[in-house]
């Protein structure tokens, strides 16, 4: 299976650790480490990449897209799913507590 793991660009209004230093997408790197032996996996870091997500998806043609996010990124991530026609699974404590607001009609 081809899997694309994505870190979206940071929202300019948010103050995050990346305002003070560059940090790697460690969560995506951990997932990569677990699945890389059985799947074709790429990490696409939109903090440093210039190509659009749509273009990357068209080139790589993944079967599954995983997107990491901060709580403030949820609406942006939902829009990626709508535009690129892939389903999104939200995880984390916040997602479990607010799952109705995160659902996307398909």
Protein backbone atom coordinates (compact mmCIF):
# COMPACT_ATOMS: atom_id res chain seq x y z
CA UNK A 1 0.00 0.00 0.00
CA UNK A 2 1.18 3.53 -0.76
CA UNK A 3 0.86 5.83 2.25
CA UNK A 4 1.45 9.58 2.28
CA UNK A 5 1.98 11.15 5.70
CA UNK A 6 1.47 14.92 5.68
CA UNK A 7 2.37 17.76 8.03
CA UNK A 8 0.38 20.82 6.90
CA UNK A 9 1.80 24.35 6.96
CA UNK A 10 1.35 26.21 10.21
CA UNK A 11 -1.41 28.75 10.51
CA UNK A 12 0.17 32.21 10.68
CA UNK A 13 -2.02 33.35 13.59
CA UNK A 14 -0.79 30.55 15.82
CA UNK A 15 2.33 30.75 17.93
CA UNK A 16 3.95 27.34 17.91
CA UNK A 17 7.33 25.84 18.67
CA UNK A 18 8.21 26.34 15.00
CA UNK A 19 8.26 30.10 15.62
CA UNK A 20 11.34 29.58 17.78
CA UNK A 21 13.03 26.56 16.20
CA UNK A 22 12.61 24.01 13.44
CA UNK A 23 11.15 20.75 14.67
CA UNK A 24 10.66 17.57 12.72
CA UNK A 25 7.23 15.92 12.39
CA UNK A 26 8.12 13.32 15.03
CA UNK A 27 4.65 11.75 15.18
CA UNK A 28 4.73 11.10 11.43
CA UNK A 29 8.28 9.79 11.70
CA UNK A 30 7.16 7.29 14.35
CA UNK A 31 4.31 6.07 12.13
CA UNK A 32 6.75 5.85 9.21
CA UNK A 33 9.10 3.72 11.31
CA UNK A 34 6.34 1.26 12.14
CA UNK A 35 4.89 0.82 8.63
CA UNK A 36 7.89 1.33 6.29
CA UNK A 37 8.85 -2.36 6.08
CA UNK A 38 5.46 -3.42 4.73
CA UNK A 39 4.35 -0.34 2.77
CA UNK A 40 5.64 2.34 0.41
CA UNK A 41 5.54 5.39 2.70
CA UNK A 42 6.51 9.03 2.22
CA UNK A 43 6.41 11.98 4.60
CA UNK A 44 5.39 15.26 2.97
CA UNK A 45 6.28 18.20 5.20
CA UNK A 46 4.41 21.28 3.97
CA UNK A 47 6.33 23.45 6.42
CA UNK A 48 9.36 23.13 4.11
CA UNK A 49 7.96 21.83 0.79
CA UNK A 50 6.74 24.23 -1.89
CA UNK A 51 4.64 21.87 -4.03
CA UNK A 52 0.88 21.84 -3.33
CA UNK A 53 -0.66 18.87 -1.56
CA UNK A 54 -2.92 18.22 -4.56
CA UNK A 55 0.10 17.99 -6.87
CA UNK A 56 1.94 15.67 -4.46
CA UNK A 57 -1.10 13.39 -4.23
CA UNK A 58 -1.43 13.27 -8.04
CA UNK A 59 2.26 12.36 -8.40
CA UNK A 60 2.53 9.81 -5.58
CA UNK A 61 -1.00 8.35 -5.94
CA UNK A 62 -1.32 7.11 -2.35
CA UNK A 63 -3.93 4.62 -1.20
CA UNK A 64 -4.00 6.32 2.19
CA UNK A 65 -3.21 9.86 3.34
CA UNK A 66 -2.44 10.54 6.98
CA UNK A 67 -2.35 14.15 8.17
CA UNK A 68 -1.00 15.37 11.48
CA UNK A 69 -2.32 18.58 12.96
CA UNK A 70 -2.66 20.87 15.88
CA UNK A 71 -6.09 21.61 17.34
CA UNK A 72 -6.16 24.91 15.46
CA UNK A 73 -5.56 23.14 12.12
CA UNK A 74 -8.75 21.06 12.12
CA UNK A 75 -10.76 23.16 9.64
CA UNK A 76 -7.80 23.40 7.28
CA UNK A 77 -7.36 19.61 7.39
CA UNK A 78 -11.07 19.04 6.76
CA UNK A 79 -10.78 21.27 3.67
CA UNK A 80 -7.81 19.24 2.40
CA UNK A 81 -9.94 16.14 2.60
CA UNK A 82 -12.82 17.75 0.74
CA UNK A 83 -10.63 19.23 -2.01
CA UNK A 84 -8.49 16.13 -2.51
CA UNK A 85 -11.31 13.62 -2.13
CA UNK A 86 -9.90 11.49 0.63
CA UNK A 87 -11.38 10.55 3.95
CA UNK A 88 -9.87 11.87 7.14
CA UNK A 89 -9.62 10.06 10.42
CA UNK A 90 -9.07 12.32 13.42
CA UNK A 91 -7.34 10.91 16.46
CA UNK A 92 -6.36 12.22 19.90
CA UNK A 93 -8.10 13.05 23.13
CA UNK A 94 -9.66 16.21 21.66
CA UNK A 95 -11.02 14.33 18.64
CA UNK A 96 -12.63 11.73 20.88
CA UNK A 97 -14.32 14.42 22.97
CA UNK A 98 -15.60 16.46 20.01
CA UNK A 99 -16.12 13.82 17.34
CA UNK A 100 -19.48 15.17 16.15
CA UNK A 101 -18.01 18.58 15.23
CA UNK A 102 -15.13 16.87 13.37
CA UNK A 103 -17.25 14.60 11.19
CA UNK A 104 -17.35 15.28 7.47
CA UNK A 105 -20.35 14.27 5.39
CA UNK A 106 -19.35 11.96 2.57
